Amino acid sequence: MNNWIHNIKTKYLTGSIVEKIIFINISIFILTYILNTLSFLFKIDGNFIINWLALSPQFDVFIVKPWTLITYGFLHHGFFHILFNLLFLYYIGILFLDYFNRKQFLTYYFLGIIFGGLVYLLSYNFLPALKSQESILVGASAGVTAILIGITALIPQYALRFRFIGNVKLVYIAIFFIALDIIQIPDGNAGGHLAHLGGALIGYLLTVYFNQGKEITHWLGNFWAPKKDKPLKTVYKNKTKTKTKNPKEQQIKIDRILDKISKSGYETLTKEEKDFLFKIGKK
């Protein structure tokens, strides 16, 4: 028994941030079911975990329990619910960490949950079709969606291989899930689907901030700077040289950048390397 506990502890401590988040979700899921079983046997209120951790659409309830804007993302209402969320989080999360660091992963994940929860709250209080409905929000889907859309915005043409299907580009996977959420809103669980869309939006905006946003700011600074500080001729030659690289040289540069990301994290790349990687992802 002690060895088993020690192995679990070691696995958690040595795992990636994706595996740690998955471990926490599974632990809370198991704990919830144990407490539900005990509450049944001793005839006590078995919904106190849901009442204290799930997100309610009522503002007066939310004000008293503001922590639910985060804790709802660690609750799941069934085995297949948590299984799908965590499997998807594992595969997309591992890919995400090839281009971003663990701090950025946590930023996407938790802001996805928070923003998805806010969209849910606003929807049930201002959309006529949802005002009269009773609901609670649970699940990590908004955070997982933020991770998916975030990495898709960076490398949309990256392809994942599926058995019996073949290679599918990330952009098509993202479009499929977003479209699925939109068309399922009238069919039930509208709040959950709207929360997913909220997570998708924040995931996209974060990638714009970490990449395009900084590039635009840099470009505006160069636009207003005196020409003598950065001659147009020099810039033109550098860009031409980059574009005329043969495929072999380009692949060597890609491998070098990816190796640097795996060792030091995405944020250690220079602006030239980030721009190069972003342009390759859009081809």
C-alpha atoms as a PDB file:
ATOM      1  CA  MET A   1       0.000   0.000   0.000  1.00  0.00           C
ATOM      2  CA  ASN A   2       2.795   2.425   0.939  1.00  0.00           C
ATOM      3  CA  ASN A   3       4.639   1.598  -2.287  1.00  0.00           C
ATOM      4  CA  TRP A   4       1.486   2.247  -4.282  1.00  0.00           C
ATOM      5  CA  ILE A   5       1.003   5.655  -2.648  1.00  0.00           C
ATOM      6  CA  HIS A   6       4.694   6.439  -3.134  1.00  0.00           C
ATOM      7  CA  ASN A   7       4.477   5.564  -6.845  1.00  0.00           C
ATOM      8  CA  ILE A   8       1.467   7.838  -7.322  1.00  0.00           C
ATOM      9  CA  LYS A   9       3.200  10.671  -5.483  1.00  0.00           C
ATOM     10  CA  THR A  10       6.361  10.227  -7.568  1.00  0.00           C
ATOM     11  CA  LYS A  11       4.348  10.132 -10.784  1.00  0.00           C
ATOM     12  CA  TYR A  12       2.621  13.371  -9.838  1.00  0.00           C
ATOM     13  CA  LEU A  13       5.819  15.183  -8.822  1.00  0.00           C
ATOM     14  CA  THR A  14       7.734  14.153 -11.957  1.00  0.00           C
ATOM     15  CA  GLY A  15       4.853  14.627 -14.396  1.00  0.00           C
ATOM     16  CA  SER A  16       4.329  17.576 -16.735  1.00  0.00           C
ATOM     17  CA  ILE A  17       1.913  20.379 -15.863  1.00  0.00           C
ATOM     18  CA  VAL A  18      -0.665  18.693 -18.128  1.00  0.00           C
ATOM     19  CA  GLU A  19      -0.381  15.455 -16.146  1.00  0.00           C
ATOM     20  CA  LYS A  20      -0.637  17.355 -12.849  1.00  0.00           C
ATOM     21  CA  ILE A  21      -3.893  19.039 -13.925  1.00  0.00           C
ATOM     22  CA  ILE A  22      -5.258  15.665 -15.049  1.00  0.00           C
ATOM     23  CA  PHE A  23      -4.236  14.085 -11.730  1.00  0.00           C
ATOM     24  CA  ILE A  24      -6.029  16.831  -9.755  1.00  0.00           C
ATOM     25  CA  ASN A  25      -9.198  16.424 -11.823  1.00  0.00           C
ATOM     26  CA  ILE A  26      -9.228  12.647 -11.341  1.00  0.00           C
ATOM     27  CA  SER A  27      -8.604  12.982  -7.585  1.00  0.00           C
ATOM     28  CA  ILE A  28     -11.521  15.396  -7.150  1.00  0.00           C
ATOM     29  CA  PHE A  29     -13.744  13.163  -9.295  1.00  0.00           C
ATOM     30  CA  ILE A  30     -12.975  10.098  -7.139  1.00  0.00           C
ATOM     31  CA  LEU A  31     -13.409  12.084  -3.923  1.00  0.00           C
ATOM     32  CA  THR A  32     -16.802  13.344  -5.080  1.00  0.00           C
ATOM     33  CA  TYR A  33     -18.078   9.834  -5.732  1.00  0.00           C
ATOM     34  CA  ILE A  34     -16.751   8.542  -2.399  1.00  0.00           C
ATOM     35  CA  LEU A  35     -18.541  11.343  -0.551  1.00  0.00           C
ATOM     36  CA  ASN A  36     -21.730  10.707  -2.528  1.00  0.00           C
ATOM     37  CA  THR A  37     -21.622   7.032  -1.497  1.00  0.00           C
ATOM     38  CA  LEU A  38     -21.072   7.919   2.170  1.00  0.00           C
ATOM     39  CA  SER A  39     -23.900  10.473   2.076  1.00  0.00           C
ATOM     40  CA  PHE A  40     -26.232   7.797   0.697  1.00  0.00           C
ATOM     41  CA  LEU A  41     -25.276   5.259   3.358  1.00  0.00           C
ATOM     42  CA  PHE A  42     -25.633   7.747   6.236  1.00  0.00           C
ATOM     43  CA  LYS A  43     -28.620   9.588   4.737  1.00  0.00           C
ATOM     44  CA  ILE A  44     -27.055  13.045   4.646  1.00  0.00           C
ATOM     45  CA  ASP A  45     -27.066  15.704   1.954  1.00  0.00           C
ATOM     46  CA  GLY A  46     -24.855  14.328  -0.808  1.00  0.00           C
ATOM     47  CA  ASN A  47     -24.960  17.438  -2.959  1.00  0.00           C
ATOM     48  CA  PHE A  48     -22.939  19.710  -0.682  1.00  0.00           C
ATOM     49  CA  ILE A  49     -19.839  19.442  -2.926  1.00  0.00           C
ATOM     50  CA  ILE A  50     -21.874  20.448  -5.964  1.00  0.00           C
ATOM     51  CA  ASN A  51     -23.553  23.222  -3.992  1.00  0.00           C
ATOM     52  CA  TRP A  52     -20.229  24.669  -2.866  1.00  0.00           C
ATOM     53  CA  LEU A  53     -18.061  24.129  -5.943  1.00  0.00           C
ATOM     54  CA  ALA A  54     -20.354  24.184  -9.014  1.00  0.00           C
ATOM     55  CA  LEU A  55     -21.122  27.508 -10.734  1.00  0.00           C
ATOM     56  CA  SER A  56     -24.691  28.766 -10.382  1.00  0.00           C
ATOM     57  CA  PRO A  57     -26.132  31.160 -12.991  1.00  0.00           C
ATOM     58  CA  GLN A  58     -27.700  33.317 -10.260  1.00  0.00           C
ATOM     59  CA  PHE A  59     -25.680  36.441  -9.471  1.00  0.00           C
ATOM     60  CA  ASP A  60     -26.768  36.561  -5.839  1.00  0.00           C
ATOM     61  CA  VAL A  61     -25.479  32.987  -5.325  1.00  0.00           C
ATOM     62  CA  PHE A  62     -22.253  33.708  -7.219  1.00  0.00           C
ATOM     63  CA  ILE A  63     -21.475  36.790  -5.106  1.00  0.00           C
ATOM     64  CA  VAL A  64     -21.608  34.637  -1.957  1.00  0.00           C
ATOM     65  CA  LYS A  65     -19.467  31.896  -3.577  1.00  0.00           C
ATOM     66  CA  PRO A  66     -17.100  33.664  -6.025  1.00  0.00           C
ATOM     67  CA  TRP A  67     -14.605  30.768  -5.951  1.00  0.00           C
ATOM     68  CA  THR A  68     -17.042  28.708  -8.012  1.00  0.00           C
ATOM     69  CA  LEU A  69     -15.884  30.635 -11.089  1.00  0.00           C
ATOM     70  CA  ILE A  70     -12.787  28.399 -10.944  1.00  0.00           C
ATOM     71  CA  THR A  71     -13.787  25.333  -8.929  1.00  0.00           C
ATOM     72  CA  TYR A  72     -16.584  24.353 -11.320  1.00  0.00           C
ATOM     73  CA  GLY A  73     -13.849  23.470 -13.816  1.00  0.00           C
ATOM     74  CA  PHE A  74     -12.673  20.599 -11.582  1.00  0.00           C
ATOM     75  CA  LEU A  75     -16.076  18.914 -11.245  1.00  0.00           C
ATOM     76  CA  HIS A  76     -17.566  16.432 -13.723  1.00  0.00           C
ATOM     77  CA  HIS A  77     -21.008  14.877 -13.800  1.00  0.00           C
ATOM     78  CA  GLY A  78     -20.094  11.450 -15.120  1.00  0.00           C
ATOM     79  CA  PHE A  79     -17.355   9.027 -16.160  1.00  0.00           C
ATOM     80  CA  PHE A  80     -17.565   9.721 -19.894  1.00  0.00           C
ATOM     81  CA  HIS A  81     -17.638  13.467 -19.261  1.00  0.00           C
ATOM     82  CA  ILE A  82     -14.305  13.435 -17.441  1.00  0.00           C
ATOM     83  CA  LEU A  83     -12.835  10.734 -19.708  1.00  0.00           C
ATOM     84  CA  PHE A  84     -13.377  12.747 -22.887  1.00  0.00           C
ATOM     85  CA  ASN A  85     -12.193  16.029 -21.332  1.00  0.00           C
ATOM     86  CA  LEU A  86      -8.993  14.593 -19.882  1.00  0.00           C
ATOM     87  CA  LEU A  87      -8.056  12.472 -22.893  1.00  0.00           C
ATOM     88  CA  PHE A  88      -8.458  15.489 -25.136  1.00  0.00           C
ATOM     89  CA  LEU A  89      -6.555  17.680 -22.659  1.00  0.00           C
ATOM     90  CA  TYR A  90      -3.668  15.196 -22.563  1.00  0.00           C
ATOM     91  CA  TYR A  91      -3.067  14.988 -26.318  1.00  0.00           C
ATOM     92  CA  ILE A  92      -3.674  18.676 -27.062  1.00  0.00           C
ATOM     93  CA  GLY A  93      -1.836  19.751 -23.899  1.00  0.00           C
ATOM     94  CA  ILE A  94       1.323  17.815 -24.784  1.00  0.00           C
ATOM     95  CA  LEU A  95       1.332  19.447 -28.223  1.00  0.00           C
ATOM     96  CA  PHE A  96       0.695  22.845 -26.611  1.00  0.00           C
ATOM     97  CA  LEU A  97       3.811  22.474 -24.444  1.00  0.00           C
ATOM     98  CA  ASP A  98       5.947  22.005 -27.571  1.00  0.00           C
ATOM     99  CA  TYR A  99       5.311  25.671 -28.398  1.00  0.00           C
ATOM    100  CA  PHE A 100       4.440  27.297 -25.042  1.00  0.00           C
ATOM    101  CA  ASN A 101       5.762  26.973 -21.498  1.00  0.00           C
ATOM    102  CA  ARG A 102       3.946  25.679 -18.382  1.00  0.00           C
ATOM    103  CA  LYS A 103       3.109  29.188 -17.159  1.00  0.00           C
ATOM    104  CA  GLN A 104       1.358  29.949 -20.425  1.00  0.00           C
ATOM    105  CA  PHE A 105      -0.442  26.597 -20.263  1.00  0.00           C
ATOM    106  CA  LEU A 106      -1.867  27.516 -16.848  1.00  0.00           C
ATOM    107  CA  THR A 107      -2.799  30.972 -18.156  1.00  0.00           C
ATOM    108  CA  TYR A 108      -4.778  29.505 -21.059  1.00  0.00           C
ATOM    109  CA  TYR A 109      -6.371  26.794 -18.930  1.00  0.00           C
ATOM    110  CA  PHE A 110      -7.548  28.932 -16.015  1.00  0.00           C
ATOM    111  CA  LEU A 111      -8.530  31.970 -18.083  1.00  0.00           C
ATOM    112  CA  GLY A 112     -10.484  29.598 -20.327  1.00  0.00           C
ATOM    113  CA  ILE A 113     -12.381  28.295 -17.297  1.00  0.00           C
ATOM    114  CA  ILE A 114     -12.927  31.801 -15.882  1.00  0.00           C
ATOM    115  CA  PHE A 115     -14.002  33.392 -19.154  1.00  0.00           C
ATOM    116  CA  GLY A 116     -16.228  30.423 -19.986  1.00  0.00           C
ATOM    117  CA  GLY A 117     -17.873  30.798 -16.574  1.00  0.00           C
ATOM    118  CA  LEU A 118     -18.469  34.511 -17.144  1.00  0.00           C
ATOM    119  CA  VAL A 119     -20.073  33.852 -20.525  1.00  0.00           C
ATOM    120  CA  TYR A 120     -22.308  31.274 -18.817  1.00  0.00           C
ATOM    121  CA  LEU A 121     -23.313  33.736 -16.079  1.00  0.00           C
ATOM    122  CA  LEU A 122     -24.089  36.557 -18.496  1.00  0.00           C
ATOM    123  CA  SER A 123     -25.991  34.265 -20.869  1.00  0.00           C
ATOM    124  CA  TYR A 124     -28.373  32.983 -18.178  1.00  0.00           C
ATOM    125  CA  ASN A 125     -29.051  36.490 -16.922  1.00  0.00           C
ATOM    126  CA  PHE A 126     -29.439  38.414 -20.175  1.00  0.00           C
ATOM    127  CA  LEU A 127     -30.520  35.978 -22.909  1.00  0.00           C
ATOM    128  CA  PRO A 128     -34.351  35.624 -22.919  1.00  0.00           C
ATOM    129  CA  ALA A 129     -34.277  31.941 -23.866  1.00  0.00           C
ATOM    130  CA  LEU A 130     -32.154  31.033 -20.817  1.00  0.00           C
ATOM    131  CA  LYS A 131     -33.458  33.359 -18.089  1.00  0.00           C
ATOM    132  CA  SER A 132     -36.185  30.981 -16.913  1.00  0.00           C
ATOM    133  CA  GLN A 133     -34.033  27.841 -17.002  1.00  0.00           C
ATOM    134  CA  GLU A 134     -32.379  26.234 -13.979  1.00  0.00           C
ATOM    135  CA  SER A 135     -28.846  25.016 -14.428  1.00  0.00           C
ATOM    136  CA  ILE A 136     -25.393  24.594 -12.911  1.00  0.00           C
ATOM    137  CA  LEU A 137     -22.061  24.528 -14.713  1.00  0.00           C
ATOM    138  CA  VAL A 138     -19.390  21.860 -14.171  1.00  0.00           C
ATOM    139  CA  GLY A 139     -16.511  20.525 -16.237  1.00  0.00           C
ATOM    140  CA  ALA A 140     -13.085  21.514 -17.556  1.00  0.00           C
ATOM    141  CA  SER A 141     -14.279  21.855 -21.147  1.00  0.00           C
ATOM    142  CA  ALA A 142     -13.881  25.650 -21.343  1.00  0.00           C
ATOM    143  CA  GLY A 143     -10.244  25.378 -20.247  1.00  0.00           C
ATOM    144  CA  VAL A 144      -9.581  22.494 -22.645  1.00  0.00           C
ATOM    145  CA  THR A 145     -11.184  24.456 -25.497  1.00  0.00           C
ATOM    146  CA  ALA A 146      -8.963  27.461 -24.724  1.00  0.00           C
ATOM    147  CA  ILE A 147      -5.904  25.198 -25.048  1.00  0.00           C
ATOM    148  CA  LEU A 148      -7.174  23.748 -28.348  1.00  0.00           C
ATOM    149  CA  ILE A 149      -8.003  27.080 -29.980  1.00  0.00           C
ATOM    150  CA  GLY A 150      -4.842  28.688 -28.591  1.00  0.00           C
ATOM    151  CA  ILE A 151      -2.503  26.178 -30.209  1.00  0.00           C
ATOM    152  CA  THR A 152      -4.617  26.092 -33.388  1.00  0.00           C
ATOM    153  CA  ALA A 153      -4.278  29.872 -33.768  1.00  0.00           C
ATOM    154  CA  LEU A 154      -0.494  29.452 -33.682  1.00  0.00           C
ATOM    155  CA  ILE A 155      -0.077  26.404 -35.963  1.00  0.00           C
ATOM    156  CA  PRO A 156      -3.405  25.929 -37.825  1.00  0.00           C
ATOM    157  CA  GLN A 157      -1.893  23.702 -40.518  1.00  0.00           C
ATOM    158  CA  TYR A 158      -0.349  21.241 -38.053  1.00  0.00           C
ATOM    159  CA  ALA A 159      -1.890  17.800 -38.652  1.00  0.00           C
ATOM    160  CA  LEU A 160      -2.795  15.119 -36.128  1.00  0.00           C
ATOM    161  CA  ARG A 161      -2.994  11.500 -37.253  1.00  0.00           C
ATOM    162  CA  PHE A 162      -6.095   9.484 -36.333  1.00  0.00           C
ATOM    163  CA  ARG A 163      -6.552   5.771 -36.794  1.00  0.00           C
ATOM    164  CA  PHE A 164      -8.946   4.915 -39.664  1.00  0.00           C
ATOM    165  CA  ILE A 165      -9.136   8.615 -40.626  1.00  0.00           C
ATOM    166  CA  GLY A 166      -5.597   9.742 -41.367  1.00  0.00           C
ATOM    167  CA  ASN A 167      -4.095  13.193 -40.962  1.00  0.00           C
ATOM    168  CA  VAL A 168      -6.431  16.011 -39.916  1.00  0.00           C
ATOM    169  CA  LYS A 169      -5.280  19.619 -39.600  1.00  0.00           C
ATOM    170  CA  LEU A 170      -5.809  21.397 -36.292  1.00  0.00           C
ATOM    171  CA  VAL A 171      -7.830  24.143 -37.944  1.00  0.00           C
ATOM    172  CA  TYR A 172     -10.429  21.611 -39.111  1.00  0.00           C
ATOM    173  CA  ILE A 173     -10.611  19.997 -35.665  1.00  0.00           C
ATOM    174  CA  ALA A 174     -11.164  23.416 -34.090  1.00  0.00           C
ATOM    175  CA  ILE A 175     -13.852  24.376 -36.616  1.00  0.00           C
ATOM    176  CA  PHE A 176     -15.617  21.047 -36.046  1.00  0.00           C
ATOM    177  CA  PHE A 177     -15.843  21.480 -32.268  1.00  0.00           C
ATOM    178  CA  ILE A 178     -16.869  25.136 -32.445  1.00  0.00           C
ATOM    179  CA  ALA A 179     -19.573  24.331 -35.004  1.00  0.00           C
ATOM    180  CA  LEU A 180     -20.742  21.409 -32.848  1.00  0.00           C
ATOM    181  CA  ASP A 181     -21.137  23.701 -29.829  1.00  0.00           C
ATOM    182  CA  ILE A 182     -23.067  26.299 -31.835  1.00  0.00           C
ATOM    183  CA  ILE A 183     -25.562  23.891 -33.377  1.00  0.00           C
ATOM    184  CA  GLN A 184     -26.151  22.076 -30.056  1.00  0.00           C
ATOM    185  CA  ILE A 185     -27.084  25.206 -28.061  1.00  0.00           C
ATOM    186  CA  PRO A 186     -30.849  24.776 -28.638  1.00  0.00           C
ATOM    187  CA  ASP A 187     -30.742  21.015 -27.911  1.00  0.00           C
ATOM    188  CA  GLY A 188     -29.929  21.239 -24.180  1.00  0.00           C
ATOM    189  CA  ASN A 189     -26.951  22.165 -22.012  1.00  0.00           C
ATOM    190  CA  ALA A 190     -26.873  25.603 -23.642  1.00  0.00           C
ATOM    191  CA  GLY A 191     -24.791  26.983 -20.778  1.00  0.00           C
ATOM    192  CA  GLY A 192     -22.082  24.372 -21.256  1.00  0.00           C
ATOM    193  CA  HIS A 193     -21.810  25.022 -24.992  1.00  0.00           C
ATOM    194  CA  LEU A 194     -21.713  28.792 -24.470  1.00  0.00           C
ATOM    195  CA  ALA A 195     -18.954  28.316 -21.884  1.00  0.00           C
ATOM    196  CA  HIS A 196     -16.967  26.324 -24.467  1.00  0.00           C
ATOM    197  CA  LEU A 197     -17.298  29.223 -26.912  1.00  0.00           C
ATOM    198  CA  GLY A 198     -16.108  31.613 -24.215  1.00  0.00           C
ATOM    199  CA  GLY A 199     -13.039  29.437 -23.664  1.00  0.00           C
ATOM    200  CA  ALA A 200     -12.433  29.313 -27.418  1.00  0.00           C
ATOM    201  CA  LEU A 201     -12.535  33.120 -27.663  1.00  0.00           C
ATOM    202  CA  ILE A 202     -10.056  33.701 -24.832  1.00  0.00           C
ATOM    203  CA  GLY A 203      -7.741  31.012 -26.234  1.00  0.00           C
ATOM    204  CA  TYR A 204      -7.617  32.784 -29.584  1.00  0.00           C
ATOM    205  CA  LEU A 205      -7.126  36.227 -28.003  1.00  0.00           C
ATOM    206  CA  LEU A 206      -4.271  34.975 -25.827  1.00  0.00           C
ATOM    207  CA  THR A 207      -2.395  33.619 -28.842  1.00  0.00           C
ATOM    208  CA  VAL A 208      -2.895  36.942 -30.623  1.00  0.00           C
ATOM    209  CA  TYR A 209      -1.474  38.673 -27.539  1.00  0.00           C
ATOM    210  CA  PHE A 210       1.532  36.366 -27.205  1.00  0.00           C
ATOM    211  CA  ASN A 211       2.344  36.501 -30.926  1.00  0.00           C
ATOM    212  CA  GLN A 212       0.592  38.838 -33.358  1.00  0.00           C
ATOM    213  CA  GLY A 213      -0.060  41.503 -30.741  1.00  0.00           C
ATOM    214  CA  LYS A 214       3.652  41.879 -29.974  1.00  0.00           C
ATOM    215  CA  GLU A 215       4.505  41.794 -33.664  1.00  0.00           C
ATOM    216  CA  ILE A 216       2.020  44.582 -34.431  1.00  0.00           C
ATOM    217  CA  THR A 217       3.371  46.708 -31.584  1.00  0.00           C
ATOM    218  CA  HIS A 218       6.922  46.216 -32.856  1.00  0.00           C
ATOM    219  CA  TRP A 219       5.869  47.112 -36.406  1.00  0.00           C
ATOM    220  CA  LEU A 220       4.165  50.322 -35.259  1.00  0.00           C
ATOM    221  CA  GLY A 221       7.334  51.308 -33.399  1.00  0.00           C
ATOM    222  CA  ASN A 222       9.388  50.810 -36.573  1.00  0.00           C
ATOM    223  CA  PHE A 223       6.860  52.746 -38.636  1.00  0.00           C
ATOM    224  CA  TRP A 224       7.315  55.918 -36.576  1.00  0.00           C
ATOM    225  CA  ALA A 225      11.081  55.501 -36.126  1.00  0.00           C
ATOM    226  CA  PRO A 226      13.453  57.555 -38.334  1.00  0.00           C
ATOM    227  CA  LYS A 227      14.484  55.723 -41.497  1.00  0.00           C
ATOM    228  CA  LYS A 228      18.179  56.201 -40.788  1.00  0.00           C
ATOM    229  CA  ASP A 229      17.896  53.901 -37.723  1.00  0.00           C
ATOM    230  CA  LYS A 230      16.888  50.985 -39.908  1.00  0.00           C
ATOM    231  CA  PRO A 231      17.550  51.425 -43.640  1.00  0.00           C
ATOM    232  CA  LEU A 232      14.891  50.062 -45.960  1.00  0.00           C
ATOM    233  CA  LYS A 233      17.499  48.422 -48.149  1.00  0.00           C
ATOM    234  CA  THR A 234      18.863  46.316 -45.308  1.00  0.00           C
ATOM    235  CA  VAL A 235      15.394  45.123 -44.269  1.00  0.00           C
ATOM    236  CA  TYR A 236      14.580  44.171 -47.852  1.00  0.00           C
ATOM    237  CA  LYS A 237      17.721  42.079 -48.208  1.00  0.00           C
ATOM    238  CA  ASN A 238      17.135  40.209 -44.940  1.00  0.00           C
ATOM    239  CA  LYS A 239      13.562  39.333 -45.902  1.00  0.00           C
ATOM    240  CA  THR A 240      14.583  38.168 -49.362  1.00  0.00           C
ATOM    241  CA  LYS A 241      17.257  35.955 -47.929  1.00  0.00           C
ATOM    242  CA  THR A 242      14.759  34.330 -45.555  1.00  0.00           C
ATOM    243  CA  LYS A 243      12.262  33.670 -48.344  1.00  0.00           C
ATOM    244  CA  THR A 244      14.777  32.121 -50.732  1.00  0.00           C
ATOM    245  CA  LYS A 245      16.029  29.457 -48.381  1.00  0.00           C
ATOM    246  CA  ASN A 246      15.754  25.964 -49.829  1.00  0.00           C
ATOM    247  CA  PRO A 247      13.513  23.386 -48.072  1.00  0.00           C
ATOM    248  CA  LYS A 248      16.479  21.585 -46.494  1.00  0.00           C
ATOM    249  CA  GLU A 249      17.861  24.742 -44.854  1.00  0.00           C
ATOM    250  CA  GLN A 250      14.365  25.712 -43.742  1.00  0.00           C
ATOM    251  CA  GLN A 251      13.795  22.313 -42.098  1.00  0.00           C
ATOM    252  CA  ILE A 252      17.135  22.573 -40.270  1.00  0.00           C
ATOM    253  CA  LYS A 253      16.076  25.961 -38.880  1.00  0.00           C
ATOM    254  CA  ILE A 254      12.675  24.554 -37.826  1.00  0.00           C
ATOM    255  CA  ASP A 255      14.339  21.626 -36.027  1.00  0.00           C
ATOM    256  CA  ARG A 256      16.735  23.986 -34.246  1.00  0.00           C
ATOM    257  CA  ILE A 257      13.881  26.211 -33.046  1.00  0.00           C
ATOM    258  CA  LEU A 258      11.761  23.272 -31.876  1.00  0.00           C
ATOM    259  CA  ASP A 259      14.744  21.856 -29.998  1.00  0.00           C
ATOM    260  CA  LYS A 260      15.221  25.241 -28.312  1.00  0.00           C
ATOM    261  CA  ILE A 261      11.522  25.308 -27.321  1.00  0.00           C
ATOM    262  CA  SER A 262      11.679  21.813 -25.811  1.00  0.00           C
ATOM    263  CA  LYS A 263      14.727  22.740 -23.718  1.00  0.00           C
ATOM    264  CA  SER A 264      14.015  26.334 -22.674  1.00  0.00           C
ATOM    265  CA  GLY A 265      10.385  27.134 -23.548  1.00  0.00           C
ATOM    266  CA  TYR A 266       8.718  29.233 -26.230  1.00  0.00           C
ATOM    267  CA  GLU A 267       9.329  32.546 -24.462  1.00  0.00           C
ATOM    268  CA  THR A 268      13.128  32.187 -24.866  1.00  0.00           C
ATOM    269  CA  LEU A 269      12.862  32.485 -28.667  1.00  0.00           C
ATOM    270  CA  THR A 270      13.974  35.705 -30.328  1.00  0.00           C
ATOM    271  CA  LYS A 271      11.423  37.772 -32.223  1.00  0.00           C
ATOM    272  CA  GLU A 272      12.947  36.619 -35.538  1.00  0.00           C
ATOM    273  CA  GLU A 273      12.505  32.969 -34.507  1.00  0.00           C
ATOM    274  CA  LYS A 274       8.901  33.580 -33.362  1.00  0.00           C
ATOM    275  CA  ASP A 275       8.082  35.359 -36.642  1.00  0.00           C
ATOM    276  CA  PHE A 276       9.657  32.555 -38.660  1.00  0.00           C
ATOM    277  CA  LEU A 277       7.732  29.856 -36.742  1.00  0.00           C
ATOM    278  CA  PHE A 278       4.462  31.773 -37.059  1.00  0.00           C
ATOM    279  CA  LYS A 279       4.892  32.170 -40.854  1.00  0.00           C
ATOM    280  CA  ILE A 280       5.686  28.464 -41.267  1.00  0.00           C
ATOM    281  CA  GLY A 281       2.557  27.558 -39.271  1.00  0.00           C
ATOM    282  CA  LYS A 282       0.373  29.585 -41.640  1.00  0.00           C
ATOM    283  CA  LYS A 283       1.629  27.851 -44.819  1.00  0.00           C
END
